[in-house]
Protein backbone atom coordinates (compact mmCIF):
# COMPACT_ATOMS: atom_id res chain seq x y z
CA UNK A 1 0.35 -37.47 20.33
CA UNK A 2 -1.12 -34.59 20.71
CA UNK A 3 -3.44 -33.75 17.67
CA UNK A 4 -2.36 -30.43 15.37
CA UNK A 5 -4.41 -27.56 14.89
CA UNK A 6 -5.75 -27.59 11.68
CA UNK A 7 -5.88 -23.86 10.58
CA UNK A 8 -7.96 -22.39 7.33
CA UNK A 9 -6.40 -19.21 5.77
CA UNK A 10 -9.16 -17.77 4.11
CA UNK A 11 -7.48 -15.85 1.15
CA UNK A 12 -8.22 -14.38 -2.28
CA UNK A 13 -7.63 -17.37 -4.71
CA UNK A 14 -5.60 -15.15 -7.39
CA UNK A 15 -3.23 -13.36 -4.83
CA UNK A 16 -1.18 -10.42 -4.88
CA UNK A 17 2.67 -10.39 -3.76
CA UNK A 18 1.69 -9.56 -0.33
CA UNK A 19 -0.74 -12.68 0.18
CA UNK A 20 1.47 -15.12 -1.26
CA UNK A 21 4.47 -13.95 1.08
CA UNK A 22 1.91 -14.05 4.22
CA UNK A 23 0.91 -17.18 2.76
CA UNK A 24 4.67 -18.36 2.57
CA UNK A 25 5.51 -17.42 6.26
CA UNK A 26 2.29 -18.94 7.75
CA UNK A 27 3.06 -22.22 6.14
CA UNK A 28 7.21 -21.76 7.78
CA UNK A 29 5.67 -20.78 10.68
CA UNK A 30 3.08 -23.52 11.48
CA UNK A 31 5.23 -26.50 12.49
CA UNK A 32 6.24 -24.05 15.57
CA UNK A 33 2.80 -23.88 16.96
CA UNK A 34 2.14 -27.61 16.27
CA UNK A 35 -0.39 -26.44 13.44
CA UNK A 36 -1.07 -26.94 9.88
CA UNK A 37 -2.25 -24.35 7.34
CA UNK A 38 -4.40 -24.90 4.15
CA UNK A 39 -5.67 -21.96 2.00
CA UNK A 40 -9.31 -21.74 1.78
CA UNK A 41 -9.60 -20.20 -1.90
CA UNK A 42 -12.31 -17.42 -2.51
CA UNK A 43 -13.08 -15.54 -5.34
CA UNK A 44 -15.04 -12.67 -3.72
CA UNK A 45 -12.34 -10.21 -2.37
CA UNK A 46 -13.15 -7.90 -5.16
CA UNK A 47 -17.03 -8.33 -5.08
CA UNK A 48 -19.44 -6.16 -4.55
CA UNK A 49 -21.30 -5.95 -0.70
CA UNK A 50 -24.15 -8.24 -2.21
CA UNK A 51 -22.23 -10.57 -3.98
CA UNK A 52 -19.78 -10.96 -1.29
CA UNK A 53 -22.70 -11.61 1.20
CA UNK A 54 -23.92 -14.57 -1.08
CA UNK A 55 -20.35 -16.06 -1.57
CA UNK A 56 -19.79 -16.00 1.82
CA UNK A 57 -22.37 -18.14 2.36
CA UNK A 58 -20.50 -21.07 0.62
CA UNK A 59 -17.21 -20.46 2.37
CA UNK A 60 -18.98 -21.32 5.58
CA UNK A 61 -19.57 -24.49 4.55
CA UNK A 62 -16.03 -24.79 3.20
CA UNK A 63 -14.13 -23.78 6.38
CA UNK A 64 -16.31 -26.42 8.62
CA UNK A 65 -13.32 -29.00 8.80
CA UNK A 66 -10.87 -26.84 10.50
CA UNK A 67 -10.24 -25.80 13.99
CA UNK A 68 -9.29 -22.08 13.58
CA UNK A 69 -9.38 -19.37 10.66
CA UNK A 70 -6.83 -16.56 9.19
CA UNK A 71 -8.79 -14.21 7.76
CA UNK A 72 -5.96 -12.24 5.48
CA UNK A 73 -8.89 -9.48 5.73
CA UNK A 74 -6.44 -6.62 4.07
CA UNK A 75 -7.03 -7.80 0.65
CA UNK A 76 -11.07 -7.87 0.89
CA UNK A 77 -12.48 -4.26 -0.30
CA UNK A 78 -16.21 -4.62 -1.11
CA UNK A 79 -15.71 -7.95 0.55
CA UNK A 80 -15.73 -6.77 4.09
CA UNK A 81 -19.28 -7.91 4.69
CA UNK A 82 -18.77 -11.15 3.70
CA UNK A 83 -16.06 -11.40 5.84
CA UNK A 84 -18.07 -10.31 9.11
CA UNK A 85 -20.64 -12.40 7.90
CA UNK A 86 -18.10 -15.52 7.90
CA UNK A 87 -16.85 -14.44 11.34
CA UNK A 88 -20.63 -14.14 12.84
CA UNK A 89 -20.83 -17.68 12.10
CA UNK A 90 -17.67 -19.08 12.77
CA UNK A 91 -17.77 -17.86 16.39
CA UNK A 92 -17.00 -18.75 18.85
CA UNK A 93 -14.31 -20.57 17.47
CA UNK A 94 -10.90 -19.40 17.07
CA UNK A 95 -10.08 -16.83 14.40
CA UNK A 96 -7.70 -13.89 13.73
CA UNK A 97 -7.68 -11.29 11.00
CA UNK A 98 -4.88 -9.47 9.42
CA UNK A 99 -4.62 -6.19 8.25
CA UNK A 100 -8.43 -5.10 8.65
CA UNK A 101 -9.84 -4.34 11.93
CA UNK A 102 -12.84 -7.29 11.96
CA UNK A 103 -15.67 -6.99 15.01
CA UNK A 104 -15.43 -9.60 17.59
CA UNK A 105 -11.98 -10.63 15.91
CA UNK A 106 -9.14 -10.59 17.33
CA UNK A 107 -6.71 -8.68 14.73
CA UNK A 108 -3.29 -8.03 14.01
CA UNK A 109 -2.58 -4.39 12.50
CA UNK A 110 0.21 -3.01 10.80
CA UNK A 111 1.24 0.47 11.22
CA UNK A 112 0.41 2.00 7.68
CA UNK A 113 0.04 5.79 8.75
CA UNK A 114 3.29 5.82 10.42
CA UNK A 115 4.98 3.46 7.68
CA UNK A 116 3.81 6.46 5.16
CA UNK A 117 5.05 8.91 7.00
CA UNK A 118 8.47 7.64 7.66
CA UNK A 119 8.48 6.96 3.82
CA UNK A 120 7.74 10.76 3.23
CA UNK A 121 9.97 12.22 5.82
CA UNK A 122 12.83 9.99 4.38
CA UNK A 123 12.35 11.78 0.99
CA UNK A 124 12.22 15.35 2.42
CA UNK A 125 14.62 15.15 5.19
CA UNK A 126 17.39 12.55 3.58
CA UNK A 127 17.22 13.16 -0.18
CA UNK A 128 15.84 17.10 0.21
CA UNK A 129 12.64 16.17 -2.20
CA UNK A 130 9.51 18.33 -1.38
CA UNK A 131 7.69 18.37 -4.47
CA UNK A 132 6.30 14.66 -3.76
CA UNK A 133 3.96 12.78 -6.57
CA UNK A 134 1.89 10.05 -4.52
CA UNK A 135 -0.02 7.08 -5.87
CA UNK A 136 -2.92 6.25 -3.95
CA UNK A 137 -4.49 2.68 -3.21
CA UNK A 138 -8.01 1.43 -3.61
CA UNK A 139 -10.60 3.92 -2.60
CA UNK A 140 -12.27 1.64 -0.69
CA UNK A 141 -9.35 0.32 1.06
CA UNK A 142 -8.48 1.35 4.73
CA UNK A 143 -4.95 0.39 4.76
CA UNK A 144 -4.88 3.14 1.29
CA UNK A 145 -6.43 5.47 3.23
CA UNK A 146 -4.17 5.16 6.07
CA UNK A 147 -0.88 5.54 4.17
CA UNK A 148 -2.40 8.75 2.45
CA UNK A 149 -2.85 10.24 5.74
CA UNK A 150 0.77 9.23 6.47
CA UNK A 151 1.66 11.45 3.63
CA UNK A 152 -0.08 14.20 4.37
CA UNK A 153 0.99 14.52 7.92
CA UNK A 154 4.61 14.45 6.73
CA UNK A 155 3.96 17.25 4.24
CA UNK A 156 2.47 19.16 7.19
CA UNK A 157 5.04 18.78 9.42
CA UNK A 158 7.48 19.74 7.09
CA UNK A 159 5.48 22.61 6.06
CA UNK A 160 4.74 21.48 2.36
CA UNK A 161 1.03 22.08 0.44
CA UNK A 162 -0.86 19.34 -1.00
CA UNK A 163 -1.30 19.90 -4.25
CA UNK A 164 -4.19 17.90 -5.71
CA UNK A 165 -2.41 17.59 -8.86
CA UNK A 166 0.75 15.58 -7.78
CA UNK A 167 -2.20 12.73 -5.93
CA UNK A 168 -3.29 10.40 -8.47
CA UNK A 169 -5.76 7.77 -7.63
CA UNK A 170 -4.25 4.27 -8.02
CA UNK A 171 -5.84 0.51 -7.08
CA UNK A 172 -2.55 -1.00 -6.01
CA UNK A 173 -2.48 -2.75 -9.59
CA UNK A 174 0.38 -1.74 -11.82
CA UNK A 175 -1.52 -1.15 -14.77
CA UNK A 176 -3.47 1.65 -13.36
CA UNK A 177 -0.73 3.56 -11.68
CA UNK A 178 1.05 3.48 -15.26
CA UNK A 179 -1.46 4.69 -17.17
CA UNK A 180 -1.93 7.73 -14.46
CA UNK A 181 1.32 8.92 -14.81
CA UNK A 182 1.50 8.32 -18.28
CA UNK A 183 -1.75 10.66 -18.81
CA UNK A 184 0.02 13.22 -15.96
CA UNK A 185 0.39 16.94 -18.00
CA UNK A 186 3.94 17.76 -19.03
CA UNK A 187 3.83 20.97 -16.83
CA UNK A 188 3.25 18.23 -13.69
CA UNK A 189 6.57 18.79 -12.36
CA UNK A 190 7.70 16.49 -9.35
CA UNK A 191 11.17 15.32 -7.84
CA UNK A 192 10.03 12.25 -5.53
CA UNK A 193 7.33 9.75 -5.33
CA UNK A 194 5.60 7.95 -2.74
CA UNK A 195 3.55 5.00 -3.39
CA UNK A 196 0.93 2.94 -1.36
CA UNK A 197 2.49 -0.30 -2.67
CA UNK A 198 5.70 -1.81 -4.57
CA UNK A 199 3.36 -2.88 -7.53
CA UNK A 200 2.72 0.54 -8.32
CA UNK A 201 6.13 1.98 -7.85
CA UNK A 202 7.65 -0.67 -10.19
CA UNK A 203 5.16 0.32 -12.77
CA UNK A 204 5.85 3.75 -12.98
CA UNK A 205 9.41 3.49 -13.93
CA UNK A 206 8.67 3.11 -17.44
CA UNK A 207 6.30 5.72 -17.79
CA UNK A 208 9.16 8.08 -15.51
CA UNK A 209 11.80 7.07 -18.28
CA UNK A 210 9.58 8.03 -21.07
CA UNK A 211 9.24 11.68 -19.40
CA UNK A 212 12.56 11.80 -19.47
CA UNK A 213 13.25 11.39 -16.10
CA UNK A 214 15.73 9.78 -14.09
CA UNK A 215 15.82 7.39 -11.16
CA UNK A 216 16.80 8.76 -8.22
CA UNK A 217 18.63 11.75 -10.48
CA UNK A 218 15.68 13.36 -11.38
CA UNK A 219 12.83 11.60 -8.86
CA UNK A 220 13.52 9.56 -5.86
CA UNK A 221 10.75 6.48 -5.44
CA UNK A 222 9.72 4.91 -1.95
CA UNK A 223 7.22 1.89 -2.16
CA UNK A 224 5.56 0.02 0.51
CA UNK A 225 5.32 -4.09 1.05
CA UNK A 226 8.90 -5.17 0.26
CA UNK A 227 7.87 -7.52 -2.02
CA UNK A 228 10.91 -9.84 -3.69
CA UNK A 229 10.66 -7.96 -6.98
CA UNK A 230 11.72 -4.73 -5.10
CA UNK A 231 15.03 -5.88 -4.55
CA UNK A 232 15.47 -7.25 -8.27
CA UNK A 233 14.38 -4.12 -9.87
CA UNK A 234 16.57 -1.65 -11.62
CA UNK A 235 17.24 0.49 -9.77
CA UNK A 236 16.49 -1.55 -6.59
CA UNK A 237 13.27 -0.06 -4.87
CA UNK A 238 13.65 1.68 -1.66
CA UNK A 239 10.41 0.00 0.23
CA UNK A 240 8.25 0.20 3.75
CA UNK A 241 8.78 -3.75 4.30
CA UNK A 242 5.77 -5.57 5.77
CA UNK A 243 6.28 -7.47 8.99
CA UNK A 244 5.18 -10.69 7.38
CA UNK A 245 7.20 -13.18 9.30
CA UNK A 246 5.54 -11.07 12.59
CA UNK A 247 1.72 -11.31 11.10
CA UNK A 248 2.73 -15.28 11.16
CA UNK A 249 3.76 -15.73 14.09
CA UNK A 250 1.43 -13.32 16.17
CA UNK A 251 -1.52 -15.03 14.37
CA UNK A 252 -0.95 -18.51 14.70
CA UNK A 253 -0.03 -17.69 18.36
CA UNK A 254 -3.37 -15.96 18.78
CA UNK A 255 -5.01 -19.25 17.68
CA UNK A 256 -3.41 -21.51 19.67
CA UNK A 257 -3.94 -19.35 22.58
CA UNK A 258 -7.75 -19.28 21.83
CA UNK A 259 -7.93 -23.02 21.49
CA UNK A 260 -6.25 -23.40 24.65
CA UNK A 261 -8.65 -21.19 26.31
CA UNK A 262 -6.28 -18.43 26.96
CA UNK A 263 -7.36 -14.30 26.93
CA UNK A 264 -5.71 -12.73 23.66
CA UNK A 265 -5.62 -9.07 22.92
CA UNK A 266 -8.19 -7.61 20.59
CA UNK A 267 -5.57 -5.51 18.70
CA UNK A 268 -1.93 -5.80 18.05
CA UNK A 269 -0.10 -3.50 15.96
CA UNK A 270 3.19 -4.52 14.18
CA UNK A 271 5.88 -1.96 12.63
CA UNK A 272 6.83 -1.65 9.01
CA UNK A 273 10.56 -1.17 8.50
CA UNK A 274 12.11 1.40 6.09
CA UNK A 275 14.55 -0.69 3.66
CA UNK A 276 16.70 1.52 1.92
CA UNK A 277 17.94 0.91 -1.61
CA UNK A 278 18.88 3.23 -4.61
CA UNK A 279 15.25 4.19 -6.33
CA UNK A 280 15.35 6.63 -3.30
CA UNK A 281 19.09 8.07 -3.56
CA UNK A 282 20.29 5.76 -1.00
CA UNK A 283 23.66 3.87 -2.22
CA UNK A 284 23.56 0.85 -0.27
CA UNK A 285 20.62 -1.39 0.88
CA UNK A 286 19.78 -1.53 4.05
CA UNK A 287 17.11 -1.55 6.96
CA UNK A 288 16.23 2.18 8.51
CA UNK A 289 14.24 3.25 10.93
CA UNK A 290 11.04 1.38 12.24
CA UNK A 291 7.45 2.88 12.21
CA UNK A 292 7.09 2.28 16.10
CA UNK A 293 3.78 0.45 16.71
CA UNK A 294 1.85 2.13 19.05
């Protein structure tokens, strides 16, 4: 009987909805690749660079029992240095990084820039919104930067000037986003919101209501990730759906190929899909355009 590939998934111990969904799809996909998946829980995703390096040494010992590693790198901020230390110590055994490009590690990336560009374009072209508020993610997140640049590119393509007052700094967390919108001066006018993730988009709904704004009549909103709470919100949240199943399938396929000595591409980019719901003004929930992988 062939021994199953033992895969450790290095993930923050208190994962966000994105991480929970990704872990779920890895567990669903594992049997199809004759693999088992275990969570390697760490607590340094948001640690300082120095703390992450120290903590990574302990993780190196913890993962020694596995045959292969999935590094859920997109949720690591300052801790990326620790992930790089872990990856170097793990070589040459099979590994794959998800959402952040780690040197020397096959990486699966989501097309964040095109995804945010598509979301912004949808509000402009389909719903006629031109004064768009943007909620940024963490300052130290490459994914957050890519989504912001996608937003800016869409504005530029439609001849809309970027207004600094309409860009709010967030950190992907609900409390920060709600507070940022609540503190907006009353004379700041906007008719749409593009949020760097769903958590922040969902959090600002009460703040918009307190400003006397109705979603989507006065303000149309698009989020990013398509977590389960998006469809259950009132109104249901339009979102850029992360390709969780594709992440899991491609990650485990890469690990199996590496374990068998086959070459794998150094990077693979997967698309996101715009799921239209009522928060943007669309009346029927349906998948729409995809941000094509390059």
